[in-house]
Amino acid sequence: MSPLVATPADPAVLRQALGCFPSGVTALCALDAGTPVGMVASTFTPVSLEPPLVSVCVQDTSSTWPKLRKRGRLGLSVLAEGQDTICRSLAGRGGDRFADVGWEAYEDGSVYVHGSGLWLGCSLYAEFPGGDHTIVLLEIHGLKAEPDRAPLVFHGSRFRRLAV
């Protein structure tokens, strides 16, 4: 007899189950015709040191990723504790996602969120199909890290804090 009590057939059950795994939250942003464009991804993973690669997973229905993937450089910001409102704003549909977000753009078109614990300047390295998502590998070209800044943690469909 299997100890498993449910099957992944129901997306709501699967989403709740996968919510048992805590994750950080990242913002992937760039300028598009001089305007900041961005999205959040909680599926961020360090992949390789040589070459320096990270990954994010993007829903195939995203209307933002097609704009970002055309940019030469992307800014990836690992959001910090207390940036819940920024996360919700950048994850929103429609409207000005950056209206209440402090950000800065570099000459290469990458955009970074102020107050984040880590900034990675990236370019698209590769993409792979992954069910209803695309697995995106990004090559890191530069970074700015604030290791003492606590990350924004998403767990059980809500934001949490790390215990000290």
N, C-alpha and C. Protein backbone atom coordinates (compact mmCIF):
# COMPACT_ATOMS: atom_id res chain seq x y z
N MET A 1 0.84 -1.17 0.00
CA MET A 1 0.00 0.00 0.00
C MET A 1 0.89 1.25 0.00
N SER A 2 0.60 2.18 -0.86
CA SER A 2 1.38 3.41 -0.98
C SER A 2 1.02 4.39 0.14
N PRO A 3 2.05 5.09 0.70
CA PRO A 3 1.76 6.09 1.72
C PRO A 3 1.22 7.39 1.12
N LEU A 4 1.18 7.47 -0.20
CA LEU A 4 0.69 8.68 -0.86
C LEU A 4 -0.83 8.70 -0.82
N VAL A 5 -1.41 9.85 -0.49
CA VAL A 5 -2.85 9.93 -0.31
C VAL A 5 -3.56 10.71 -1.41
N ALA A 6 -2.79 11.31 -2.31
CA ALA A 6 -3.42 12.10 -3.37
C ALA A 6 -2.61 11.94 -4.65
N THR A 7 -3.24 12.24 -5.75
CA THR A 7 -2.55 12.24 -7.04
C THR A 7 -2.43 13.69 -7.52
N PRO A 8 -1.48 13.95 -8.40
CA PRO A 8 -1.30 15.32 -8.88
C PRO A 8 -2.30 15.72 -9.96
N ALA A 9 -3.38 14.96 -10.12
CA ALA A 9 -4.36 15.26 -11.17
C ALA A 9 -5.09 16.58 -10.95
N ASP A 10 -5.29 16.96 -9.70
CA ASP A 10 -5.99 18.20 -9.39
C ASP A 10 -4.93 19.30 -9.20
N PRO A 11 -4.89 20.31 -10.10
CA PRO A 11 -3.87 21.36 -9.99
C PRO A 11 -3.90 22.11 -8.65
N ALA A 12 -5.08 22.27 -8.04
CA ALA A 12 -5.16 22.97 -6.75
C ALA A 12 -4.47 22.16 -5.65
N VAL A 13 -4.64 20.85 -5.67
CA VAL A 13 -4.01 19.97 -4.69
C VAL A 13 -2.49 19.99 -4.90
N LEU A 14 -2.07 19.92 -6.15
CA LEU A 14 -0.64 19.93 -6.46
C LEU A 14 -0.01 21.27 -6.07
N ARG A 15 -0.68 22.38 -6.36
CA ARG A 15 -0.16 23.71 -6.00
C ARG A 15 0.01 23.81 -4.47
N GLN A 16 -1.00 23.32 -3.72
CA GLN A 16 -0.92 23.36 -2.27
C GLN A 16 0.24 22.49 -1.76
N ALA A 17 0.40 21.32 -2.36
CA ALA A 17 1.48 20.43 -1.95
C ALA A 17 2.85 21.05 -2.25
N LEU A 18 3.03 21.62 -3.43
CA LEU A 18 4.31 22.23 -3.78
C LEU A 18 4.58 23.48 -2.96
N GLY A 19 3.53 24.08 -2.41
CA GLY A 19 3.68 25.22 -1.52
C GLY A 19 4.34 24.85 -0.20
N CYS A 20 4.52 23.56 0.06
CA CYS A 20 5.22 23.12 1.26
C CYS A 20 6.72 23.41 1.18
N PHE A 21 7.20 23.69 -0.04
CA PHE A 21 8.61 24.00 -0.24
C PHE A 21 8.80 25.51 -0.28
N PRO A 22 9.57 26.08 0.65
CA PRO A 22 9.77 27.53 0.64
C PRO A 22 10.69 27.94 -0.49
N SER A 23 10.46 29.13 -1.01
CA SER A 23 11.33 29.64 -2.08
C SER A 23 11.54 31.13 -1.90
N GLY A 24 12.62 31.60 -2.46
CA GLY A 24 12.87 33.02 -2.54
C GLY A 24 12.05 33.57 -3.70
N VAL A 25 12.05 34.88 -3.84
CA VAL A 25 11.30 35.52 -4.92
C VAL A 25 12.23 36.44 -5.67
N THR A 26 12.21 36.34 -6.99
CA THR A 26 13.06 37.18 -7.82
C THR A 26 12.20 38.04 -8.74
N ALA A 27 12.79 39.16 -9.14
CA ALA A 27 12.18 40.03 -10.15
C ALA A 27 13.13 40.03 -11.35
N LEU A 28 12.60 39.76 -12.51
CA LEU A 28 13.37 39.74 -13.74
C LEU A 28 12.90 40.93 -14.57
N CYS A 29 13.81 41.90 -14.83
CA CYS A 29 13.38 43.18 -15.40
C CYS A 29 14.37 43.71 -16.43
N ALA A 30 13.84 44.50 -17.36
CA ALA A 30 14.66 45.18 -18.37
C ALA A 30 13.87 46.36 -18.92
N LEU A 31 14.58 47.21 -19.65
CA LEU A 31 13.91 48.30 -20.35
C LEU A 31 13.45 47.80 -21.71
N ASP A 32 12.24 48.20 -22.07
CA ASP A 32 11.69 47.90 -23.38
C ASP A 32 11.22 49.23 -23.96
N ALA A 33 11.95 49.73 -24.94
CA ALA A 33 11.67 51.04 -25.53
C ALA A 33 11.65 52.13 -24.45
N GLY A 34 12.60 52.03 -23.50
CA GLY A 34 12.74 53.03 -22.47
C GLY A 34 11.83 52.88 -21.27
N THR A 35 10.94 51.89 -21.30
CA THR A 35 10.00 51.66 -20.20
C THR A 35 10.37 50.37 -19.48
N PRO A 36 10.36 50.37 -18.12
CA PRO A 36 10.69 49.14 -17.41
C PRO A 36 9.59 48.09 -17.59
N VAL A 37 10.04 46.86 -17.81
CA VAL A 37 9.16 45.71 -17.95
C VAL A 37 9.69 44.66 -16.99
N GLY A 38 8.81 44.02 -16.23
CA GLY A 38 9.29 43.04 -15.28
C GLY A 38 8.24 42.04 -14.86
N MET A 39 8.73 40.98 -14.25
CA MET A 39 7.89 39.90 -13.76
C MET A 39 8.56 39.28 -12.55
N VAL A 40 7.81 38.54 -11.76
CA VAL A 40 8.40 37.82 -10.63
C VAL A 40 8.47 36.33 -10.95
N ALA A 41 9.43 35.69 -10.32
CA ALA A 41 9.58 34.24 -10.44
C ALA A 41 10.07 33.71 -9.10
N SER A 42 9.37 32.74 -8.56
CA SER A 42 9.79 32.13 -7.30
C SER A 42 10.48 30.80 -7.55
N THR A 43 10.74 30.51 -8.80
CA THR A 43 11.39 29.25 -9.17
C THR A 43 12.84 29.49 -9.54
N PHE A 44 13.51 30.38 -8.84
CA PHE A 44 14.91 30.72 -9.06
C PHE A 44 15.82 29.64 -8.48
N THR A 45 16.84 29.23 -9.27
CA THR A 45 17.78 28.22 -8.80
C THR A 45 19.18 28.53 -9.34
N PRO A 46 20.19 28.55 -8.46
CA PRO A 46 21.57 28.58 -8.96
C PRO A 46 21.84 27.26 -9.69
N VAL A 47 22.52 27.32 -10.83
CA VAL A 47 22.72 26.13 -11.65
C VAL A 47 24.18 25.74 -11.76
N SER A 48 25.05 26.70 -12.11
CA SER A 48 26.43 26.36 -12.43
C SER A 48 27.36 27.51 -12.08
N LEU A 49 28.59 27.16 -11.66
CA LEU A 49 29.61 28.17 -11.42
C LEU A 49 30.44 28.43 -12.67
N GLU A 50 30.60 27.42 -13.52
CA GLU A 50 31.38 27.57 -14.74
C GLU A 50 30.66 26.90 -15.90
N PRO A 51 30.00 27.62 -16.78
CA PRO A 51 29.82 29.07 -16.72
C PRO A 51 28.84 29.45 -15.62
N PRO A 52 28.85 30.71 -15.20
CA PRO A 52 27.93 31.13 -14.14
C PRO A 52 26.49 31.21 -14.65
N LEU A 53 25.66 30.26 -14.19
CA LEU A 53 24.27 30.17 -14.67
C LEU A 53 23.29 30.07 -13.51
N VAL A 54 22.13 30.66 -13.71
CA VAL A 54 20.98 30.50 -12.82
C VAL A 54 19.79 30.15 -13.70
N SER A 55 18.71 29.69 -13.07
CA SER A 55 17.51 29.39 -13.85
C SER A 55 16.28 29.98 -13.18
N VAL A 56 15.28 30.26 -13.99
CA VAL A 56 13.94 30.61 -13.55
C VAL A 56 12.98 29.83 -14.44
N CYS A 57 11.78 29.61 -13.95
CA CYS A 57 10.75 28.96 -14.76
C CYS A 57 9.65 29.98 -15.01
N VAL A 58 9.22 30.07 -16.26
CA VAL A 58 8.25 31.07 -16.68
C VAL A 58 7.03 30.38 -17.26
N GLN A 59 5.85 30.78 -16.79
CA GLN A 59 4.61 30.21 -17.35
C GLN A 59 4.54 30.49 -18.85
N ASP A 60 4.11 29.49 -19.60
CA ASP A 60 3.99 29.65 -21.05
C ASP A 60 2.95 30.70 -21.43
N THR A 61 2.05 31.04 -20.52
CA THR A 61 1.03 32.04 -20.81
C THR A 61 1.49 33.46 -20.49
N SER A 62 2.73 33.61 -20.02
CA SER A 62 3.24 34.94 -19.66
C SER A 62 3.25 35.87 -20.87
N SER A 63 2.74 37.07 -20.68
CA SER A 63 2.81 38.07 -21.75
C SER A 63 4.05 38.95 -21.57
N THR A 64 4.72 38.82 -20.43
CA THR A 64 5.92 39.63 -20.15
C THR A 64 7.19 38.95 -20.66
N TRP A 65 7.30 37.64 -20.50
CA TRP A 65 8.51 36.94 -20.90
C TRP A 65 8.85 37.17 -22.39
N PRO A 66 7.90 37.14 -23.32
CA PRO A 66 8.27 37.39 -24.72
C PRO A 66 8.94 38.76 -24.92
N LYS A 67 8.58 39.75 -24.13
CA LYS A 67 9.23 41.07 -24.21
C LYS A 67 10.64 41.01 -23.62
N LEU A 68 10.77 40.35 -22.46
CA LEU A 68 12.06 40.28 -21.80
C LEU A 68 13.08 39.44 -22.57
N ARG A 69 12.63 38.35 -23.14
CA ARG A 69 13.58 37.44 -23.80
C ARG A 69 14.26 38.07 -25.00
N LYS A 70 13.71 39.14 -25.54
CA LYS A 70 14.30 39.84 -26.69
C LYS A 70 15.39 40.82 -26.27
N ARG A 71 15.47 41.14 -24.99
CA ARG A 71 16.44 42.11 -24.49
C ARG A 71 17.82 41.48 -24.41
N GLY A 72 18.84 42.24 -24.66
CA GLY A 72 20.20 41.73 -24.59
C GLY A 72 20.64 41.43 -23.16
N ARG A 73 20.25 42.30 -22.24
CA ARG A 73 20.60 42.13 -20.83
C ARG A 73 19.35 42.23 -19.97
N LEU A 74 19.32 41.42 -18.93
CA LEU A 74 18.21 41.39 -17.99
C LEU A 74 18.76 41.60 -16.59
N GLY A 75 18.02 42.30 -15.76
CA GLY A 75 18.37 42.44 -14.36
C GLY A 75 17.54 41.49 -13.53
N LEU A 76 18.20 40.68 -12.73
CA LEU A 76 17.50 39.77 -11.84
C LEU A 76 17.75 40.26 -10.42
N SER A 77 16.70 40.60 -9.71
CA SER A 77 16.79 41.08 -8.33
C SER A 77 16.18 40.03 -7.41
N VAL A 78 16.96 39.58 -6.42
CA VAL A 78 16.42 38.67 -5.41
C VAL A 78 15.79 39.56 -4.34
N LEU A 79 14.47 39.52 -4.26
CA LEU A 79 13.75 40.42 -3.36
C LEU A 79 14.06 40.12 -1.90
N ALA A 80 14.03 41.18 -1.09
CA ALA A 80 14.38 41.08 0.32
C ALA A 80 13.14 41.09 1.20
N GLU A 81 13.33 40.66 2.44
CA GLU A 81 12.26 40.69 3.43
C GLU A 81 11.65 42.09 3.46
N GLY A 82 10.32 42.15 3.51
CA GLY A 82 9.64 43.43 3.53
C GLY A 82 9.27 43.96 2.16
N GLN A 83 9.67 43.25 1.09
CA GLN A 83 9.34 43.71 -0.25
C GLN A 83 8.11 42.99 -0.81
N ASP A 84 7.20 42.57 0.08
CA ASP A 84 5.97 41.87 -0.33
C ASP A 84 5.15 42.72 -1.30
N THR A 85 5.00 43.99 -0.99
CA THR A 85 4.18 44.88 -1.83
C THR A 85 4.80 45.02 -3.21
N ILE A 86 6.12 45.12 -3.27
CA ILE A 86 6.82 45.20 -4.56
C ILE A 86 6.57 43.93 -5.35
N CYS A 87 6.66 42.79 -4.68
CA CYS A 87 6.41 41.52 -5.35
C CYS A 87 5.01 41.48 -5.94
N ARG A 88 4.03 41.86 -5.16
CA ARG A 88 2.64 41.85 -5.65
C ARG A 88 2.46 42.80 -6.83
N SER A 89 3.11 43.95 -6.76
CA SER A 89 3.00 44.93 -7.84
C SER A 89 3.60 44.38 -9.13
N LEU A 90 4.78 43.79 -9.04
CA LEU A 90 5.45 43.26 -10.24
C LEU A 90 4.76 42.00 -10.77
N ALA A 91 4.01 41.32 -9.91
CA ALA A 91 3.29 40.12 -10.34
C ALA A 91 1.92 40.44 -10.90
N GLY A 92 1.48 41.69 -10.72
CA GLY A 92 0.14 42.08 -11.14
C GLY A 92 -0.07 42.01 -12.64
N ARG A 93 -1.32 42.01 -13.01
CA ARG A 93 -1.68 42.01 -14.43
C ARG A 93 -2.23 43.38 -14.76
N GLY A 94 -1.66 43.98 -15.78
CA GLY A 94 -2.13 45.30 -16.21
C GLY A 94 -1.64 46.41 -15.32
N GLY A 95 -1.87 47.63 -15.76
CA GLY A 95 -1.45 48.80 -14.99
C GLY A 95 0.05 48.97 -15.01
N ASP A 96 0.52 49.98 -14.30
CA ASP A 96 1.94 50.25 -14.21
C ASP A 96 2.53 49.46 -13.05
N ARG A 97 3.17 48.35 -13.34
CA ARG A 97 3.74 47.49 -12.31
C ARG A 97 4.83 48.19 -11.50
N PHE A 98 5.47 49.20 -12.10
CA PHE A 98 6.59 49.87 -11.46
C PHE A 98 6.19 51.18 -10.76
N ALA A 99 4.90 51.49 -10.69
CA ALA A 99 4.43 52.76 -10.15
C ALA A 99 4.97 53.04 -8.75
N ASP A 100 4.98 52.06 -7.87
CA ASP A 100 5.44 52.25 -6.50
C ASP A 100 6.69 51.44 -6.19
N VAL A 101 7.49 51.17 -7.21
CA VAL A 101 8.70 50.37 -7.06
C VAL A 101 9.92 51.25 -7.33
N GLY A 102 10.84 51.26 -6.37
CA GLY A 102 12.11 51.95 -6.59
C GLY A 102 12.99 51.07 -7.46
N TRP A 103 13.49 51.61 -8.55
CA TRP A 103 14.29 50.81 -9.48
C TRP A 103 15.32 51.69 -10.15
N GLU A 104 16.30 51.03 -10.76
CA GLU A 104 17.26 51.75 -11.57
C GLU A 104 17.65 50.90 -12.77
N ALA A 105 17.95 51.59 -13.84
CA ALA A 105 18.33 50.92 -15.08
C ALA A 105 19.80 51.21 -15.38
N TYR A 106 20.46 50.24 -15.94
CA TYR A 106 21.84 50.42 -16.38
C TYR A 106 21.83 50.71 -17.88
N GLU A 107 22.97 51.15 -18.39
CA GLU A 107 23.08 51.50 -19.80
C GLU A 107 22.77 50.32 -20.72
N ASP A 108 23.00 49.09 -20.24
CA ASP A 108 22.75 47.91 -21.07
C ASP A 108 21.27 47.54 -21.12
N GLY A 109 20.42 48.29 -20.41
CA GLY A 109 18.97 48.03 -20.42
C GLY A 109 18.48 47.16 -19.29
N SER A 110 19.38 46.63 -18.46
CA SER A 110 18.94 45.83 -17.32
C SER A 110 18.35 46.75 -16.26
N VAL A 111 17.35 46.24 -15.55
CA VAL A 111 16.65 47.01 -14.52
C VAL A 111 16.70 46.22 -13.21
N TYR A 112 16.96 46.95 -12.10
CA TYR A 112 17.10 46.33 -10.79
C TYR A 112 16.20 47.01 -9.78
N VAL A 113 15.68 46.22 -8.84
CA VAL A 113 14.78 46.72 -7.80
C VAL A 113 15.61 47.16 -6.60
N HIS A 114 15.43 48.43 -6.18
CA HIS A 114 16.13 48.95 -5.00
C HIS A 114 15.78 48.13 -3.76
N GLY A 115 16.76 47.94 -2.89
CA GLY A 115 16.53 47.25 -1.63
C GLY A 115 16.62 45.74 -1.69
N SER A 116 16.88 45.19 -2.88
CA SER A 116 16.99 43.74 -3.02
C SER A 116 18.30 43.24 -2.43
N GLY A 117 18.35 41.96 -2.08
CA GLY A 117 19.54 41.38 -1.49
C GLY A 117 20.60 40.99 -2.49
N LEU A 118 20.21 40.83 -3.75
CA LEU A 118 21.16 40.42 -4.78
C LEU A 118 20.69 40.96 -6.12
N TRP A 119 21.61 41.51 -6.87
CA TRP A 119 21.37 41.91 -8.26
C TRP A 119 22.27 41.06 -9.14
N LEU A 120 21.70 40.47 -10.17
CA LEU A 120 22.47 39.73 -11.16
C LEU A 120 22.21 40.32 -12.54
N GLY A 121 23.26 40.72 -13.22
CA GLY A 121 23.14 41.16 -14.60
C GLY A 121 23.28 39.93 -15.48
N CYS A 122 22.25 39.62 -16.26
CA CYS A 122 22.19 38.34 -16.98
C CYS A 122 21.86 38.52 -18.46
N SER A 123 22.10 37.46 -19.20
CA SER A 123 21.61 37.35 -20.57
C SER A 123 21.03 35.95 -20.74
N LEU A 124 20.15 35.82 -21.72
CA LEU A 124 19.54 34.52 -22.00
C LEU A 124 20.60 33.54 -22.50
N TYR A 125 20.70 32.40 -21.86
CA TYR A 125 21.68 31.36 -22.23
C TYR A 125 21.00 30.23 -23.00
N ALA A 126 19.83 29.77 -22.49
CA ALA A 126 19.10 28.69 -23.15
C ALA A 126 17.69 28.62 -22.58
N GLU A 127 16.79 28.00 -23.34
CA GLU A 127 15.42 27.75 -22.89
C GLU A 127 15.06 26.30 -23.19
N PHE A 128 14.27 25.71 -22.30
CA PHE A 128 13.83 24.32 -22.46
C PHE A 128 12.35 24.22 -22.09
N PRO A 129 11.59 23.41 -22.83
CA PRO A 129 10.19 23.22 -22.45
C PRO A 129 10.11 22.43 -21.14
N GLY A 130 9.16 22.82 -20.30
CA GLY A 130 8.95 22.13 -19.03
C GLY A 130 7.47 22.12 -18.68
N GLY A 131 6.71 21.29 -19.37
CA GLY A 131 5.26 21.23 -19.11
C GLY A 131 4.61 22.53 -19.52
N ASP A 132 3.89 23.19 -18.58
CA ASP A 132 3.22 24.45 -18.90
C ASP A 132 4.12 25.65 -18.60
N HIS A 133 5.41 25.39 -18.41
CA HIS A 133 6.41 26.44 -18.17
C HIS A 133 7.57 26.29 -19.15
N THR A 134 8.37 27.32 -19.22
CA THR A 134 9.64 27.28 -19.95
C THR A 134 10.74 27.44 -18.91
N ILE A 135 11.71 26.54 -18.94
CA ILE A 135 12.86 26.61 -18.05
C ILE A 135 13.89 27.51 -18.74
N VAL A 136 14.22 28.60 -18.08
CA VAL A 136 15.10 29.61 -18.67
C VAL A 136 16.44 29.60 -17.94
N LEU A 137 17.52 29.37 -18.68
CA LEU A 137 18.86 29.49 -18.12
C LEU A 137 19.39 30.87 -18.45
N LEU A 138 19.93 31.53 -17.44
CA LEU A 138 20.49 32.87 -17.60
C LEU A 138 21.96 32.85 -17.23
N GLU A 139 22.79 33.46 -18.08
CA GLU A 139 24.21 33.57 -17.78
C GLU A 139 24.46 34.88 -17.03
N ILE A 140 25.23 34.79 -15.95
CA ILE A 140 25.52 35.95 -15.11
C ILE A 140 26.75 36.68 -15.65
N HIS A 141 26.62 38.00 -15.83
CA HIS A 141 27.73 38.82 -16.31
C HIS A 141 28.24 39.78 -15.24
N GLY A 142 27.45 40.04 -14.22
CA GLY A 142 27.86 40.92 -13.13
C GLY A 142 26.92 40.74 -11.96
N LEU A 143 27.38 41.14 -10.77
CA LEU A 143 26.53 40.98 -9.60
C LEU A 143 26.84 42.02 -8.54
N LYS A 144 25.87 42.23 -7.69
CA LYS A 144 26.00 43.06 -6.49
C LYS A 144 25.23 42.33 -5.40
N ALA A 145 25.95 41.91 -4.35
CA ALA A 145 25.32 41.10 -3.30
C ALA A 145 25.34 41.82 -1.96
N GLU A 146 24.26 41.66 -1.21
CA GLU A 146 24.13 42.16 0.16
C GLU A 146 23.76 40.95 1.02
N PRO A 147 24.75 40.09 1.35
CA PRO A 147 24.46 38.83 2.02
C PRO A 147 23.79 38.94 3.39
N ASP A 148 23.88 40.09 4.05
CA ASP A 148 23.25 40.23 5.36
C ASP A 148 21.79 40.64 5.28
N ARG A 149 21.31 40.93 4.07
CA ARG A 149 19.91 41.32 3.89
C ARG A 149 19.06 40.05 3.82
N ALA A 150 18.07 39.93 4.67
CA ALA A 150 17.21 38.74 4.69
C ALA A 150 16.35 38.68 3.43
N PRO A 151 16.17 37.47 2.87
CA PRO A 151 15.38 37.34 1.64
C PRO A 151 13.88 37.34 1.90
N LEU A 152 13.13 37.68 0.87
CA LEU A 152 11.68 37.50 0.89
C LEU A 152 11.42 36.02 0.65
N VAL A 153 10.70 35.38 1.56
CA VAL A 153 10.45 33.94 1.47
C VAL A 153 8.97 33.71 1.22
N PHE A 154 8.68 32.85 0.23
CA PHE A 154 7.30 32.51 -0.11
C PHE A 154 7.09 31.04 0.26
N HIS A 155 6.10 30.78 1.11
CA HIS A 155 5.84 29.41 1.57
C HIS A 155 4.37 29.30 1.94
N GLY A 156 3.74 28.24 1.46
CA GLY A 156 2.33 28.02 1.79
C GLY A 156 1.43 29.15 1.30
N SER A 157 1.74 29.67 0.12
CA SER A 157 0.97 30.74 -0.52
C SER A 157 0.98 32.06 0.25
N ARG A 158 2.00 32.26 1.08
CA ARG A 158 2.14 33.56 1.75
C ARG A 158 3.61 33.85 2.02
N PHE A 159 3.89 35.11 2.34
CA PHE A 159 5.25 35.53 2.64
C PHE A 159 5.57 35.23 4.08
N ARG A 160 6.81 34.79 4.31
CA ARG A 160 7.25 34.43 5.66
C ARG A 160 8.60 35.07 5.93
N ARG A 161 9.02 35.00 7.17
CA ARG A 161 10.33 35.52 7.58
C ARG A 161 11.19 34.34 8.04
N LEU A 162 12.50 34.48 7.83
CA LEU A 162 13.42 33.49 8.35
C LEU A 162 13.61 33.74 9.85
N ALA A 163 13.73 32.68 10.62
CA ALA A 163 13.99 32.81 12.05
C ALA A 163 15.48 33.01 12.25
N VAL A 164 15.82 33.81 13.26
CA VAL A 164 17.24 34.03 13.54
C VAL A 164 17.63 33.43 14.86
